[in-house]
C-alpha atoms as a PDB file:
ATOM      1  CA  MET A   1       4.998  -0.048  16.939  1.00  0.00           C
ATOM      2  CA  THR A   2       7.141  -2.751  15.292  1.00  0.00           C
ATOM      3  CA  VAL A   3       5.685  -4.527  12.398  1.00  0.00           C
ATOM      4  CA  PRO A   4       4.479  -8.058  13.811  1.00  0.00           C
ATOM      5  CA  ALA A   5       7.019 -10.930  13.020  1.00  0.00           C
ATOM      6  CA  PHE A   6       4.428 -12.949  10.738  1.00  0.00           C
ATOM      7  CA  ILE A   7       4.883  -9.954   7.994  1.00  0.00           C
ATOM      8  CA  THR A   8       8.627 -10.158   8.024  1.00  0.00           C
ATOM      9  CA  THR A   9       8.275 -13.971   8.206  1.00  0.00           C
ATOM     10  CA  PHE A  10       5.958 -13.790   5.254  1.00  0.00           C
ATOM     11  CA  LEU A  11       7.921 -11.363   3.212  1.00  0.00           C
ATOM     12  CA  SER A  12      11.301 -13.285   4.046  1.00  0.00           C
ATOM     13  CA  ALA A  13       9.751 -16.523   2.705  1.00  0.00           C
ATOM     14  CA  LYS A  14       8.355 -15.000  -0.687  1.00  0.00           C
ATOM     15  CA  CYS A  15      11.951 -13.906  -1.744  1.00  0.00           C
ATOM     16  CA  PRO A  16      14.681 -15.915   0.576  1.00  0.00           C
ATOM     17  CA  ASP A  17      17.461 -14.914  -2.066  1.00  0.00           C
ATOM     18  CA  SER A  18      16.446 -11.124  -1.468  1.00  0.00           C
ATOM     19  CA  GLY A  19      18.666 -10.737   1.901  1.00  0.00           C
ATOM     20  CA  PRO A  20      17.794  -8.299   4.531  1.00  0.00           C
ATOM     21  CA  ILE A  21      14.864  -6.101   3.746  1.00  0.00           C
ATOM     22  CA  GLY A  22      14.915  -2.532   4.804  1.00  0.00           C
ATOM     23  CA  GLU A  23      12.068  -0.958   6.655  1.00  0.00           C
ATOM     24  CA  HIS A  24      11.748   1.958   3.808  1.00  0.00           C
ATOM     25  CA  GLU A  25      12.626  -0.699   0.652  1.00  0.00           C
ATOM     26  CA  ASP A  26      10.053  -0.867  -1.944  1.00  0.00           C
ATOM     27  CA  LEU A  27       8.722  -4.576  -1.818  1.00  0.00           C
ATOM     28  CA  VAL A  28       7.884  -4.767  -5.331  1.00  0.00           C
ATOM     29  CA  ASP A  29      11.241  -3.177  -6.955  1.00  0.00           C
ATOM     30  CA  LYS A  30      13.078  -5.596  -4.780  1.00  0.00           C
ATOM     31  CA  GLY A  31      11.139  -8.431  -5.878  1.00  0.00           C
ATOM     32  CA  VAL A  32       9.431  -9.587  -2.924  1.00  0.00           C
ATOM     33  CA  LEU A  33       5.864  -8.969  -3.677  1.00  0.00           C
ATOM     34  CA  ASN A  34       4.131  -9.393  -6.598  1.00  0.00           C
ATOM     35  CA  SER A  35       0.257  -9.162  -7.322  1.00  0.00           C
ATOM     36  CA  MET A  36      -0.444 -12.542  -5.881  1.00  0.00           C
ATOM     37  CA  HIS A  37       1.672 -11.632  -2.594  1.00  0.00           C
ATOM     38  CA  PHE A  38      -0.269  -8.723  -2.188  1.00  0.00           C
ATOM     39  CA  VAL A  39      -3.540 -10.770  -1.863  1.00  0.00           C
ATOM     40  CA  GLU A  40      -2.008 -13.169   0.457  1.00  0.00           C
ATOM     41  CA  LEU A  41      -0.544 -10.266   2.504  1.00  0.00           C
ATOM     42  CA  LEU A  42      -3.867  -8.567   2.856  1.00  0.00           C
ATOM     43  CA  TYR A  43      -5.488 -11.988   4.201  1.00  0.00           C
ATOM     44  CA  LEU A  44      -2.376 -12.332   6.819  1.00  0.00           C
ATOM     45  CA  ILE A  45      -3.245  -8.631   7.934  1.00  0.00           C
ATOM     46  CA  GLU A  46      -6.938  -9.395   7.872  1.00  0.00           C
ATOM     47  CA  ALA A  47      -6.413 -12.285  10.045  1.00  0.00           C
ATOM     48  CA  GLU A  48      -4.222 -10.549  12.497  1.00  0.00           C
ATOM     49  CA  LEU A  49      -6.696  -7.600  12.814  1.00  0.00           C
ATOM     50  CA  ASP A  50      -9.660  -9.828  12.841  1.00  0.00           C
ATOM     51  CA  THR A  51     -11.901  -7.725  10.329  1.00  0.00           C
ATOM     52  CA  GLU A  52     -12.093  -7.587   6.551  1.00  0.00           C
ATOM     53  CA  LEU A  53     -10.458  -5.182   4.620  1.00  0.00           C
ATOM     54  CA  SER A  54     -12.100  -3.299   1.453  1.00  0.00           C
ATOM     55  CA  LEU A  55      -9.957  -3.277  -1.472  1.00  0.00           C
ATOM     56  CA  ASP A  56     -11.272   0.206  -1.668  1.00  0.00           C
ATOM     57  CA  ASP A  57      -9.724   1.268   1.510  1.00  0.00           C
ATOM     58  CA  VAL A  58      -6.106  -0.451   0.740  1.00  0.00           C
ATOM     59  CA  THR A  59      -3.848   1.151  -1.998  1.00  0.00           C
ATOM     60  CA  ALA A  60      -0.656  -0.786  -3.399  1.00  0.00           C
ATOM     61  CA  ASP A  61       1.476   2.326  -1.626  1.00  0.00           C
ATOM     62  CA  ASP A  62      -0.038   0.760   1.631  1.00  0.00           C
ATOM     63  CA  LEU A  63       2.183  -2.317   1.002  1.00  0.00           C
ATOM     64  CA  ARG A  64       5.012  -1.076  -0.877  1.00  0.00           C
ATOM     65  CA  THR A  65       7.222  -0.831   2.203  1.00  0.00           C
ATOM     66  CA  ILE A  66       7.442  -2.380   5.616  1.00  0.00           C
ATOM     67  CA  ALA A  67       7.252   0.935   7.177  1.00  0.00           C
ATOM     68  CA  ALA A  68       3.915   1.699   4.947  1.00  0.00           C
ATOM     69  CA  ILE A  69       2.780  -1.729   6.225  1.00  0.00           C
ATOM     70  CA  ARG A  70       3.232  -0.738  10.001  1.00  0.00           C
ATOM     71  CA  ASP A  71       1.811   2.849   9.741  1.00  0.00           C
ATOM     72  CA  ARG A  72      -1.304   1.867   7.677  1.00  0.00           C
ATOM     73  CA  PHE A  73      -2.264  -1.313   9.467  1.00  0.00           C
ATOM     74  CA  PHE A  74      -0.295  -1.352  12.829  1.00  0.00           C
ATOM     75  CA  PRO A  75      -0.078   2.071  14.139  1.00  0.00           C
ATOM     76  CA  GLU A  76       1.351   3.482  17.486  1.00  0.00           C
ATOM     77  CA  PRO A  77      -1.572   3.753  19.976  1.00  0.00           C
ATOM     78  CA  VAL A  78      -2.285   6.801  20.903  1.00  0.00           C
END
């Protein structure tokens, strides 16, 4: 499954000068995400999934790349 458009739109808005963001590119190292952006991103994912995510169940690695976000929160249906 592809990452929902709202994720890539959010990431691009946070760092418009970063250029294209690769699927496996580290969002922290590229300067796209900081700690406040992580929280905002979690709220967006919660709203999209219509569920509350426990911070005990989410790690920084779950949000480190676009591929990680896709795999953790928007996996292919079985």
